[in-house]
Amino acid sequence: MSRSFWFGQVLLLAAAGPCLAAIPCSASSDPAAVVQAQVDAYNRHDVEAFLNCYSDNATVYWLDGHKEPAKGAKALRDEFEFLAKIPPAGSGFGVDVVTKTITGPTVANVEHMRGLPPGAPPVPDTLVIYEVRDGKILNCWFAPAK
């Protein structure tokens, strides 16, 4: 193969590079794949990949009423930017999916929080319901644990 062929391949890959970050959520409209990509990004503490899984007009609701819903891209960024401040994945902080139920565009996970700081009160497993439309999370509901 010629040098120009390989140079073209490198340029092609370089041009595709920025788009690769969008692949976990935008390459598939399968609700289970979108939600799993979001969980994986959360566990990597990758705020950009995490937010990429949400629609620009997404809303996150806490059904126990302890917070107002986070509506829109800016509100979601404000709510989840703390992930960038957590040490890399070696800290163990993240969530494990205990159970998953999928019905059409809806994915219901029971999620277990892990890697909390010493002395932090335990967090009960939480039911989280995601509505996925057009390959992005449109709505997310955190059910009360108590």
C-alpha atoms as a PDB file:
ATOM      1  CA  MET A   1       0.000   0.000   0.000  1.00  0.00           C
ATOM      2  CA  SER A   2       1.183   3.475  -0.799  1.00  0.00           C
ATOM      3  CA  ARG A   3       2.191   6.075   1.731  1.00  0.00           C
ATOM      4  CA  SER A   4      -0.657   8.319   0.554  1.00  0.00           C
ATOM      5  CA  PHE A   5      -3.161   5.502   1.199  1.00  0.00           C
ATOM      6  CA  TRP A   6      -2.027   5.168   4.834  1.00  0.00           C
ATOM      7  CA  PHE A   7      -1.907   8.925   5.272  1.00  0.00           C
ATOM      8  CA  GLY A   8      -5.522   9.055   4.042  1.00  0.00           C
ATOM      9  CA  GLN A   9      -6.507   6.330   6.521  1.00  0.00           C
ATOM     10  CA  VAL A  10      -4.903   8.246   9.387  1.00  0.00           C
ATOM     11  CA  LEU A  11      -6.729  11.419   8.340  1.00  0.00           C
ATOM     12  CA  LEU A  12      -9.990   9.499   8.143  1.00  0.00           C
ATOM     13  CA  LEU A  13      -9.526   8.113  11.644  1.00  0.00           C
ATOM     14  CA  ALA A  14      -8.513  11.521  12.985  1.00  0.00           C
ATOM     15  CA  ALA A  15     -11.603  13.093  11.477  1.00  0.00           C
ATOM     16  CA  ALA A  16     -13.790  10.364  12.954  1.00  0.00           C
ATOM     17  CA  GLY A  17     -12.206  10.727  16.398  1.00  0.00           C
ATOM     18  CA  PRO A  18     -14.474  13.462  17.773  1.00  0.00           C
ATOM     19  CA  CYS A  19     -17.534  11.505  16.655  1.00  0.00           C
ATOM     20  CA  LEU A  20     -16.485   8.406  18.566  1.00  0.00           C
ATOM     21  CA  ALA A  21     -17.512   9.977  21.858  1.00  0.00           C
ATOM     22  CA  ALA A  22     -21.093  10.050  20.582  1.00  0.00           C
ATOM     23  CA  ILE A  23     -21.173   6.391  19.575  1.00  0.00           C
ATOM     24  CA  PRO A  24     -22.243   4.848  22.896  1.00  0.00           C
ATOM     25  CA  CYS A  25     -25.543   6.726  22.908  1.00  0.00           C
ATOM     26  CA  SER A  26     -26.197   7.960  19.392  1.00  0.00           C
ATOM     27  CA  ALA A  27     -25.102   4.943  17.362  1.00  0.00           C
ATOM     28  CA  SER A  28     -27.907   2.839  18.806  1.00  0.00           C
ATOM     29  CA  SER A  29     -31.482   3.763  19.539  1.00  0.00           C
ATOM     30  CA  ASP A  30     -31.885   0.551  21.570  1.00  0.00           C
ATOM     31  CA  PRO A  31     -33.071   1.753  24.988  1.00  0.00           C
ATOM     32  CA  ALA A  32     -31.107  -0.874  26.938  1.00  0.00           C
ATOM     33  CA  ALA A  33     -27.866   0.036  25.115  1.00  0.00           C
ATOM     34  CA  VAL A  34     -28.390   3.774  25.676  1.00  0.00           C
ATOM     35  CA  VAL A  35     -29.040   3.328  29.406  1.00  0.00           C
ATOM     36  CA  GLN A  36     -26.080   0.968  29.801  1.00  0.00           C
ATOM     37  CA  ALA A  37     -23.812   3.480  28.022  1.00  0.00           C
ATOM     38  CA  GLN A  38     -25.017   6.112  30.497  1.00  0.00           C
ATOM     39  CA  VAL A  39     -24.279   3.811  33.467  1.00  0.00           C
ATOM     40  CA  ASP A  40     -20.835   3.012  32.040  1.00  0.00           C
ATOM     41  CA  ALA A  41     -20.041   6.732  31.580  1.00  0.00           C
ATOM     42  CA  TYR A  42     -21.200   7.441  35.157  1.00  0.00           C
ATOM     43  CA  ASN A  43     -18.926   4.699  36.465  1.00  0.00           C
ATOM     44  CA  ARG A  44     -15.970   6.136  34.473  1.00  0.00           C
ATOM     45  CA  HIS A  45     -16.824   9.588  35.842  1.00  0.00           C
ATOM     46  CA  ASP A  46     -16.953  10.814  32.226  1.00  0.00           C
ATOM     47  CA  VAL A  47     -19.349  13.742  32.418  1.00  0.00           C
ATOM     48  CA  GLU A  48     -19.344  14.455  28.668  1.00  0.00           C
ATOM     49  CA  ALA A  49     -20.154  10.865  27.674  1.00  0.00           C
ATOM     50  CA  PHE A  50     -22.764  10.707  30.457  1.00  0.00           C
ATOM     51  CA  LEU A  51     -24.500  13.886  29.293  1.00  0.00           C
ATOM     52  CA  ASN A  52     -24.295  12.749  25.676  1.00  0.00           C
ATOM     53  CA  CYS A  53     -26.746   9.988  26.598  1.00  0.00           C
ATOM     54  CA  TYR A  54     -29.422  12.570  27.452  1.00  0.00           C
ATOM     55  CA  SER A  55     -31.610  14.567  25.093  1.00  0.00           C
ATOM     56  CA  ASP A  56     -30.998  18.332  25.177  1.00  0.00           C
ATOM     57  CA  ASN A  57     -34.466  18.750  26.678  1.00  0.00           C
ATOM     58  CA  ALA A  58     -34.266  15.801  29.090  1.00  0.00           C
ATOM     59  CA  THR A  59     -35.665  15.981  32.604  1.00  0.00           C
ATOM     60  CA  VAL A  60     -34.505  14.097  35.701  1.00  0.00           C
ATOM     61  CA  TYR A  61     -37.057  13.741  38.498  1.00  0.00           C
ATOM     62  CA  TRP A  62     -36.549  12.795  42.164  1.00  0.00           C
ATOM     63  CA  LEU A  63     -39.934  11.387  43.118  1.00  0.00           C
ATOM     64  CA  ASP A  64     -39.398  11.851  46.853  1.00  0.00           C
ATOM     65  CA  GLY A  65     -39.495  15.622  46.225  1.00  0.00           C
ATOM     66  CA  HIS A  66     -36.154  16.411  47.895  1.00  0.00           C
ATOM     67  CA  LYS A  67     -35.021  18.252  44.727  1.00  0.00           C
ATOM     68  CA  GLU A  68     -36.682  20.125  41.943  1.00  0.00           C
ATOM     69  CA  PRO A  69     -36.503  18.330  38.595  1.00  0.00           C
ATOM     70  CA  ALA A  70     -33.378  19.027  36.533  1.00  0.00           C
ATOM     71  CA  LYS A  71     -34.680  20.190  33.142  1.00  0.00           C
ATOM     72  CA  GLY A  72     -32.504  20.681  30.100  1.00  0.00           C
ATOM     73  CA  ALA A  73     -28.827  20.294  29.267  1.00  0.00           C
ATOM     74  CA  LYS A  74     -27.535  23.047  31.574  1.00  0.00           C
ATOM     75  CA  ALA A  75     -29.458  21.770  34.591  1.00  0.00           C
ATOM     76  CA  LEU A  76     -28.239  18.213  33.958  1.00  0.00           C
ATOM     77  CA  ARG A  77     -24.641  19.426  33.676  1.00  0.00           C
ATOM     78  CA  ASP A  78     -25.009  21.371  36.946  1.00  0.00           C
ATOM     79  CA  GLU A  79     -26.462  18.294  38.661  1.00  0.00           C
ATOM     80  CA  PHE A  80     -23.883  15.761  37.492  1.00  0.00           C
ATOM     81  CA  GLU A  81     -20.678  17.782  37.077  1.00  0.00           C
ATOM     82  CA  PHE A  82     -19.560  16.413  40.459  1.00  0.00           C
ATOM     83  CA  LEU A  83     -18.567  13.233  38.598  1.00  0.00           C
ATOM     84  CA  ALA A  84     -15.547  15.028  37.112  1.00  0.00           C
ATOM     85  CA  LYS A  85     -14.256  15.776  40.627  1.00  0.00           C
ATOM     86  CA  ILE A  86     -14.259  12.147  41.750  1.00  0.00           C
ATOM     87  CA  PRO A  87     -10.957  10.307  41.397  1.00  0.00           C
ATOM     88  CA  PRO A  88     -10.701   7.935  38.440  1.00  0.00           C
ATOM     89  CA  ALA A  89     -12.586   4.665  38.381  1.00  0.00           C
ATOM     90  CA  GLY A  90     -10.055   3.093  40.773  1.00  0.00           C
ATOM     91  CA  SER A  91     -11.907   4.846  43.599  1.00  0.00           C
ATOM     92  CA  GLY A  92     -14.698   2.299  43.201  1.00  0.00           C
ATOM     93  CA  PHE A  93     -17.406   4.983  43.180  1.00  0.00           C
ATOM     94  CA  GLY A  94     -20.261   4.146  40.848  1.00  0.00           C
ATOM     95  CA  VAL A  95     -23.396   2.096  40.454  1.00  0.00           C
ATOM     96  CA  ASP A  96     -24.071  -1.542  39.742  1.00  0.00           C
ATOM     97  CA  VAL A  97     -27.258  -2.590  37.974  1.00  0.00           C
ATOM     98  CA  VAL A  98     -28.900  -5.195  40.195  1.00  0.00           C
ATOM     99  CA  THR A  99     -31.905  -5.851  37.947  1.00  0.00           C
ATOM    100  CA  LYS A 100     -33.103  -4.489  34.615  1.00  0.00           C
ATOM    101  CA  THR A 101     -36.546  -4.584  33.009  1.00  0.00           C
ATOM    102  CA  ILE A 102     -37.141  -3.319  29.490  1.00  0.00           C
ATOM    103  CA  THR A 103     -40.530  -2.494  28.016  1.00  0.00           C
ATOM    104  CA  GLY A 104     -40.454  -0.662  24.703  1.00  0.00           C
ATOM    105  CA  PRO A 105     -38.678   2.684  25.221  1.00  0.00           C
ATOM    106  CA  THR A 106     -38.615   2.259  28.997  1.00  0.00           C
ATOM    107  CA  VAL A 107     -35.763   0.754  31.005  1.00  0.00           C
ATOM    108  CA  ALA A 108     -36.193   0.208  34.752  1.00  0.00           C
ATOM    109  CA  ASN A 109     -33.004  -0.493  36.681  1.00  0.00           C
ATOM    110  CA  VAL A 110     -32.515  -1.228  40.339  1.00  0.00           C
ATOM    111  CA  GLU A 111     -29.149   0.420  40.955  1.00  0.00           C
ATOM    112  CA  HIS A 112     -26.762  -0.166  43.853  1.00  0.00           C
ATOM    113  CA  MET A 113     -24.416   2.681  44.815  1.00  0.00           C
ATOM    114  CA  ARG A 114     -20.847   1.609  45.644  1.00  0.00           C
ATOM    115  CA  GLY A 115     -17.585   3.228  46.665  1.00  0.00           C
ATOM    116  CA  LEU A 116     -19.002   5.831  49.013  1.00  0.00           C
ATOM    117  CA  PRO A 117     -16.522   7.579  51.321  1.00  0.00           C
ATOM    118  CA  PRO A 118     -15.839   5.990  54.732  1.00  0.00           C
ATOM    119  CA  GLY A 119     -18.447   7.006  57.262  1.00  0.00           C
ATOM    120  CA  ALA A 120     -21.018   7.977  54.635  1.00  0.00           C
ATOM    121  CA  PRO A 121     -24.470   6.604  55.370  1.00  0.00           C
ATOM    122  CA  PRO A 122     -25.395   3.642  53.193  1.00  0.00           C
ATOM    123  CA  VAL A 123     -27.618   4.387  50.231  1.00  0.00           C
ATOM    124  CA  PRO A 124     -30.435   1.915  49.646  1.00  0.00           C
ATOM    125  CA  ASP A 125     -30.724   0.345  46.215  1.00  0.00           C
ATOM    126  CA  THR A 126     -32.750   2.680  44.032  1.00  0.00           C
ATOM    127  CA  LEU A 127     -35.292   2.087  41.288  1.00  0.00           C
ATOM    128  CA  VAL A 128     -34.398   4.322  38.334  1.00  0.00           C
ATOM    129  CA  ILE A 129     -36.725   4.482  35.350  1.00  0.00           C
ATOM    130  CA  TYR A 130     -35.460   5.797  32.020  1.00  0.00           C
ATOM    131  CA  GLU A 131     -37.498   6.773  28.967  1.00  0.00           C
ATOM    132  CA  VAL A 132     -35.392   6.613  25.791  1.00  0.00           C
ATOM    133  CA  ARG A 133     -36.491   8.331  22.576  1.00  0.00           C
ATOM    134  CA  ASP A 134     -34.463   8.654  19.377  1.00  0.00           C
ATOM    135  CA  GLY A 135     -31.378   7.135  21.006  1.00  0.00           C
ATOM    136  CA  LYS A 136     -31.281   9.542  23.962  1.00  0.00           C
ATOM    137  CA  ILE A 137     -32.692   9.544  27.482  1.00  0.00           C
ATOM    138  CA  LEU A 138     -35.655  11.920  27.501  1.00  0.00           C
ATOM    139  CA  ASN A 139     -36.858  11.378  31.075  1.00  0.00           C
ATOM    140  CA  CYS A 140     -35.374   9.773  34.166  1.00  0.00           C
ATOM    141  CA  TRP A 141     -37.189   9.128  37.440  1.00  0.00           C
ATOM    142  CA  PHE A 142     -35.494   8.238  40.731  1.00  0.00           C
ATOM    143  CA  ALA A 143     -38.062   6.444  42.900  1.00  0.00           C
ATOM    144  CA  PRO A 144     -38.004   7.029  46.667  1.00  0.00           C
ATOM    145  CA  ALA A 145     -35.999   4.415  48.546  1.00  0.00           C
ATOM    146  CA  LYS A 146     -38.026   4.811  51.728  1.00  0.00           C
END
